[in-house]
Amino acid sequence: MSLGDHLHKPVKTVAGLELHYVHDIAIIVMDRGENRLNTQFLDGFNELMDDVESNPSCKGLITTGKGKFYSNGLDLDWLSNLSSPELLQEFFTKLPRWLLRILLFPLPTLAALNGHCFAGGALVAFAHDLRVQNKEKGWTCFNEVFISRQFQTWHYLYLKTKIGSGHNYTDAIVMGKRFTGPEALDSGIVHAAPPMSLLLSESIQLLKSFFGKSGYPRDSLHLMKSDVYRDAVEQYHKDMAGVEASEIKFDANIKSSL
């Protein structure tokens, strides 16, 4: 994937994550291979989101990847080699907190899906307000059913607001359907499916079509998202109350199923 036509030198790079600006839109580029989720990834991403949120002139945030993957979900190899239950609990506390931050971020957000977007990576994409998917290559897929994993309850609630509760929902969540860009667009779960060469430019144009010249009042946007996703937010707090060290069994069987 080449972003050179749109992006030049990043203003900041942390752990293989780059922060760029195209006028008043921030773009976080994930350049970590499969962009799998681990603590280093989350800490770096949160640091860049802090920078975006502290920039008063920024009006929107786009996230995208380089190469074949937007994100291939949890870093299973890294998880299987953690040395203590405390580190495992730390990760499974930080991950949902980060997803919630994206869901309620006080700027409009767009996931520009350059390539494969699987499992936890799909949870990330659907925490964004908008999604644009490369029509030429890559699948979007909630493949948890194939790897014997379940979602947290609050995930189901916010996914229903993004996907709907009809056959798209059962196709995506129960059956683990792999959506190409054109299929995702036809199903209404992404907002556009341009060729890779236009992915970023169309993503910028789409995001700007919502906020216009002035942008959204940040407090108002955050409150609106909090209201719209109220059920998911309330369930998030219930789910997280159960994430305790005593409940995350640190043994070979659990680690092999992550």
Protein backbone atom coordinates (compact mmCIF):
# COMPACT_ATOMS: atom_id res chain seq x y z
CA MET A 1 0.00 0.00 0.00
CA SER A 2 1.33 3.42 -0.89
CA LEU A 3 0.09 6.48 0.94
CA GLY A 4 2.73 8.73 -0.57
CA ASP A 5 0.28 10.68 -2.71
CA HIS A 6 -1.56 11.85 0.39
CA LEU A 7 0.80 11.50 3.35
CA HIS A 8 4.33 12.66 3.81
CA LYS A 9 6.50 12.68 6.93
CA PRO A 10 4.46 11.82 10.05
CA VAL A 11 4.33 14.36 12.84
CA LYS A 12 4.87 11.54 15.32
CA THR A 13 5.72 7.83 15.26
CA VAL A 14 5.21 5.48 18.20
CA ALA A 15 5.73 1.71 18.11
CA GLY A 16 5.09 1.41 14.38
CA LEU A 17 2.09 3.75 14.49
CA GLU A 18 2.26 7.03 12.58
CA LEU A 19 0.29 10.23 13.14
CA HIS A 20 -0.27 12.38 10.06
CA TYR A 21 -2.43 15.40 9.36
CA VAL A 22 -4.12 16.24 6.09
CA HIS A 23 -5.30 19.76 6.78
CA ASP A 24 -7.77 19.41 9.67
CA ILE A 25 -8.03 15.60 9.65
CA ALA A 26 -5.75 13.38 11.70
CA ILE A 27 -4.72 10.06 10.19
CA ILE A 28 -3.25 7.26 12.27
CA VAL A 29 -1.44 4.74 10.06
CA MET A 30 -0.77 1.31 11.52
CA ASP A 31 2.48 -0.09 10.11
CA ARG A 32 3.02 -3.20 12.26
CA GLY A 33 2.57 -6.04 9.78
CA GLU A 34 -0.73 -7.68 10.65
CA ASN A 35 -1.40 -4.88 13.16
CA ARG A 36 -2.28 -7.36 15.88
CA LEU A 37 -3.48 -6.05 19.21
CA ASN A 38 -1.18 -6.19 22.21
CA THR A 39 -0.28 -3.85 25.08
CA GLN A 40 2.45 -2.02 23.14
CA PHE A 41 0.01 -1.40 20.30
CA LEU A 42 -2.70 -0.08 22.65
CA ASP A 43 -0.31 2.17 24.57
CA GLY A 44 1.08 3.67 21.37
CA PHE A 45 -2.37 4.15 19.83
CA ASN A 46 -3.68 5.82 22.97
CA GLU A 47 -0.70 8.17 22.98
CA LEU A 48 -1.48 9.27 19.42
CA MET A 49 -5.18 9.65 20.26
CA ASP A 50 -4.15 11.89 23.16
CA ASP A 51 -2.27 14.08 20.67
CA VAL A 52 -5.24 14.21 18.31
CA GLU A 53 -7.65 15.08 21.10
CA SER A 54 -5.37 17.85 22.37
CA ASN A 55 -5.20 19.47 18.92
CA PRO A 56 -8.00 22.07 18.90
CA SER A 57 -7.88 22.54 15.12
CA CYS A 58 -8.45 18.85 14.34
CA LYS A 59 -11.97 18.03 13.12
CA GLY A 60 -11.82 14.29 12.45
CA LEU A 61 -9.80 11.08 12.78
CA ILE A 62 -9.10 8.38 10.19
CA THR A 63 -7.32 5.13 10.98
CA THR A 64 -5.81 2.86 8.34
CA GLY A 65 -3.07 0.30 7.82
CA LYS A 66 -0.27 -0.49 5.42
CA GLY A 67 0.01 -3.63 3.36
CA LYS A 68 -2.39 -6.59 3.44
CA PHE A 69 -3.97 -5.91 6.83
CA TYR A 70 -6.03 -3.29 8.58
CA SER A 71 -5.84 -5.51 11.68
CA ASN A 72 -5.79 -9.26 12.17
CA GLY A 73 -7.09 -9.07 15.75
CA LEU A 74 -5.49 -10.23 18.97
CA ASP A 75 -1.76 -10.91 19.04
CA LEU A 76 -2.16 -14.59 19.93
CA ASP A 77 1.57 -15.40 19.95
CA TRP A 78 2.26 -12.52 22.31
CA LEU A 79 -0.62 -13.51 24.58
CA SER A 80 0.53 -17.11 24.74
CA ASN A 81 3.95 -15.98 25.98
CA LEU A 82 2.85 -13.63 28.75
CA SER A 83 4.66 -14.39 31.97
CA SER A 84 1.99 -13.63 34.55
CA PRO A 85 -1.80 -13.40 35.08
CA GLU A 86 -1.36 -9.73 36.00
CA LEU A 87 -0.09 -8.92 32.51
CA LEU A 88 -2.98 -10.86 30.98
CA GLN A 89 -5.48 -8.95 33.09
CA GLU A 90 -3.80 -5.65 32.21
CA PHE A 91 -4.30 -6.31 28.52
CA PHE A 92 -7.91 -7.45 28.83
CA THR A 93 -8.62 -4.29 30.83
CA LYS A 94 -6.88 -1.93 28.41
CA LEU A 95 -8.39 -3.42 25.24
CA PRO A 96 -12.10 -2.78 26.00
CA ARG A 97 -11.27 0.61 27.52
CA TRP A 98 -9.57 1.55 24.24
CA LEU A 99 -12.49 0.28 22.15
CA LEU A 100 -14.86 2.35 24.27
CA ARG A 101 -12.64 5.39 23.76
CA ILE A 102 -12.91 4.99 19.99
CA LEU A 103 -16.68 4.45 20.23
CA LEU A 104 -17.17 7.68 22.21
CA PHE A 105 -14.31 9.75 20.75
CA PRO A 106 -15.27 13.46 20.66
CA LEU A 107 -14.39 13.72 16.96
CA PRO A 108 -15.96 11.88 14.02
CA THR A 109 -13.96 8.75 13.26
CA LEU A 110 -13.53 6.67 10.11
CA ALA A 111 -11.82 3.31 9.62
CA ALA A 112 -10.26 3.09 6.15
CA LEU A 113 -9.94 -0.65 5.65
CA ASN A 114 -6.96 -1.13 3.36
CA GLY A 115 -6.93 -4.92 3.71
CA HIS A 116 -8.01 -7.81 5.90
CA CYS A 117 -9.96 -6.84 9.00
CA PHE A 118 -10.61 -9.85 11.24
CA ALA A 119 -11.93 -10.61 14.73
CA GLY A 120 -10.67 -7.97 17.17
CA GLY A 121 -9.65 -5.85 14.21
CA ALA A 122 -13.28 -5.84 13.05
CA LEU A 123 -14.38 -4.81 16.55
CA VAL A 124 -12.04 -1.84 16.19
CA ALA A 125 -13.38 -0.89 12.76
CA PHE A 126 -16.99 -1.03 13.93
CA ALA A 127 -16.22 1.11 16.97
CA HIS A 128 -15.58 3.91 14.45
CA ASP A 129 -18.44 6.10 13.24
CA LEU A 130 -17.79 5.34 9.55
CA ARG A 131 -16.08 2.65 7.52
CA VAL A 132 -14.63 2.63 4.01
CA GLN A 133 -13.32 -0.65 2.58
CA ASN A 134 -10.91 -1.36 -0.26
CA LYS A 135 -13.02 -2.95 -2.99
CA GLU A 136 -10.12 -4.77 -4.62
CA LYS A 137 -8.61 -6.83 -1.80
CA GLY A 138 -9.31 -7.82 1.78
CA TRP A 139 -12.15 -9.25 3.85
CA THR A 140 -13.96 -7.91 6.88
CA CYS A 141 -14.89 -10.80 9.14
CA PHE A 142 -15.93 -11.52 12.71
CA ASN A 143 -14.37 -14.98 12.74
CA GLU A 144 -14.67 -15.62 16.48
CA VAL A 145 -16.97 -18.59 15.85
CA PHE A 146 -14.14 -20.34 14.00
CA ILE A 147 -11.56 -19.82 16.76
CA SER A 148 -13.78 -20.70 19.75
CA ARG A 149 -13.91 -17.21 21.20
CA GLN A 150 -16.84 -15.12 22.37
CA PHE A 151 -17.48 -11.42 22.45
CA GLN A 152 -18.07 -9.48 25.63
CA THR A 153 -21.75 -8.69 26.05
CA TRP A 154 -21.26 -4.97 25.41
CA HIS A 155 -19.70 -5.76 22.01
CA TYR A 156 -22.96 -7.32 20.80
CA LEU A 157 -24.84 -4.17 21.79
CA TYR A 158 -22.70 -1.68 19.90
CA LEU A 159 -22.34 -4.01 16.91
CA LYS A 160 -26.13 -4.12 16.55
CA THR A 161 -26.18 -0.34 16.22
CA LYS A 162 -23.61 -0.57 13.42
CA ILE A 163 -24.77 -3.69 11.57
CA GLY A 164 -28.46 -3.89 12.44
CA SER A 165 -30.32 -6.82 13.97
CA GLY A 166 -31.41 -8.61 10.77
CA HIS A 167 -29.69 -11.16 8.57
CA ASN A 168 -26.57 -8.99 8.24
CA TYR A 169 -26.07 -9.41 11.97
CA THR A 170 -26.48 -13.19 12.00
CA ASP A 171 -24.44 -13.56 8.81
CA ALA A 172 -21.61 -11.50 10.30
CA ILE A 173 -21.63 -12.56 13.95
CA VAL A 174 -23.11 -16.07 14.03
CA MET A 175 -21.87 -17.37 10.70
CA GLY A 176 -18.63 -15.39 10.53
CA LYS A 177 -19.18 -14.32 6.93
CA ARG A 178 -16.24 -12.80 5.09
CA PHE A 179 -17.35 -9.57 3.43
CA THR A 180 -15.45 -8.20 0.45
CA GLY A 181 -15.60 -4.45 -0.02
CA PRO A 182 -18.47 -4.61 -2.58
CA GLU A 183 -20.39 -7.11 -0.40
CA ALA A 184 -19.95 -4.95 2.68
CA LEU A 185 -21.17 -1.90 0.77
CA ASP A 186 -24.21 -3.78 -0.60
CA SER A 187 -25.02 -4.92 2.95
CA GLY A 188 -24.76 -1.38 4.27
CA ILE A 189 -22.07 -2.13 6.85
CA VAL A 190 -19.52 0.15 5.19
CA HIS A 191 -20.16 3.57 3.71
CA ALA A 192 -18.03 3.30 0.56
CA ALA A 193 -15.85 0.78 -1.27
CA PRO A 194 -13.39 2.60 -3.54
CA PRO A 195 -10.31 1.09 -5.20
CA MET A 196 -7.17 1.12 -3.09
CA SER A 197 -5.74 4.06 -5.03
CA LEU A 198 -8.68 6.21 -3.87
CA LEU A 199 -9.20 4.76 -0.39
CA LEU A 200 -7.68 7.61 1.55
CA SER A 201 -8.90 10.47 -0.64
CA GLU A 202 -12.49 9.16 -0.61
CA SER A 203 -12.27 8.57 3.14
CA ILE A 204 -11.22 12.18 3.67
CA GLN A 205 -13.96 13.43 1.38
CA LEU A 206 -16.60 11.32 3.12
CA LEU A 207 -15.57 12.45 6.58
CA LYS A 208 -15.54 16.09 5.52
CA SER A 209 -19.04 15.71 4.04
CA PHE A 210 -20.35 15.18 7.57
CA PHE A 211 -18.61 17.95 9.49
CA GLY A 212 -18.40 20.69 6.85
CA LYS A 213 -16.32 23.79 7.54
CA SER A 214 -16.89 24.19 11.24
CA GLY A 215 -16.70 20.64 12.53
CA TYR A 216 -18.72 19.20 15.40
CA PRO A 217 -18.77 20.71 18.89
CA ARG A 218 -16.73 18.09 20.70
CA ASP A 219 -18.72 18.03 23.94
CA SER A 220 -21.96 17.74 22.02
CA LEU A 221 -20.67 14.91 19.81
CA HIS A 222 -19.35 12.99 22.81
CA LEU A 223 -22.68 13.36 24.63
CA MET A 224 -24.62 12.26 21.56
CA LYS A 225 -22.49 9.16 21.19
CA SER A 226 -22.87 8.44 24.91
CA ASP A 227 -26.66 8.65 24.54
CA VAL A 228 -26.85 6.56 21.36
CA TYR A 229 -24.60 3.85 22.79
CA ARG A 230 -25.94 4.11 26.36
CA ASP A 231 -26.89 0.41 26.59
CA ALA A 232 -23.46 -0.65 25.39
CA VAL A 233 -21.69 1.74 27.78
CA GLU A 234 -23.71 0.53 30.76
CA GLN A 235 -23.02 -3.08 29.82
CA TYR A 236 -19.33 -2.27 29.38
CA HIS A 237 -19.11 -1.27 33.04
CA LYS A 238 -20.88 -4.48 34.05
CA ASP A 239 -18.59 -6.58 31.90
CA MET A 240 -15.48 -4.88 33.22
CA ALA A 241 -16.56 -5.44 36.82
CA GLY A 242 -16.10 -9.14 36.10
CA VAL A 243 -12.61 -8.80 34.66
CA GLU A 244 -10.63 -9.65 37.77
CA ALA A 245 -7.38 -11.52 38.13
CA SER A 246 -9.14 -14.42 39.79
CA GLU A 247 -11.40 -14.82 36.76
CA ILE A 248 -8.67 -14.84 34.12
CA LYS A 249 -7.23 -18.31 34.50
CA PHE A 250 -3.59 -18.25 33.52
CA ASP A 251 -2.98 -21.78 32.30
CA ALA A 252 -2.04 -23.58 29.13
CA ASN A 253 -5.62 -24.41 28.16
CA ILE A 254 -6.82 -20.80 28.36
CA LYS A 255 -3.72 -19.42 26.68
CA SER A 256 -4.03 -21.83 23.77
CA SER A 257 -7.64 -20.76 23.20
CA LEU A 258 -6.95 -17.02 23.11
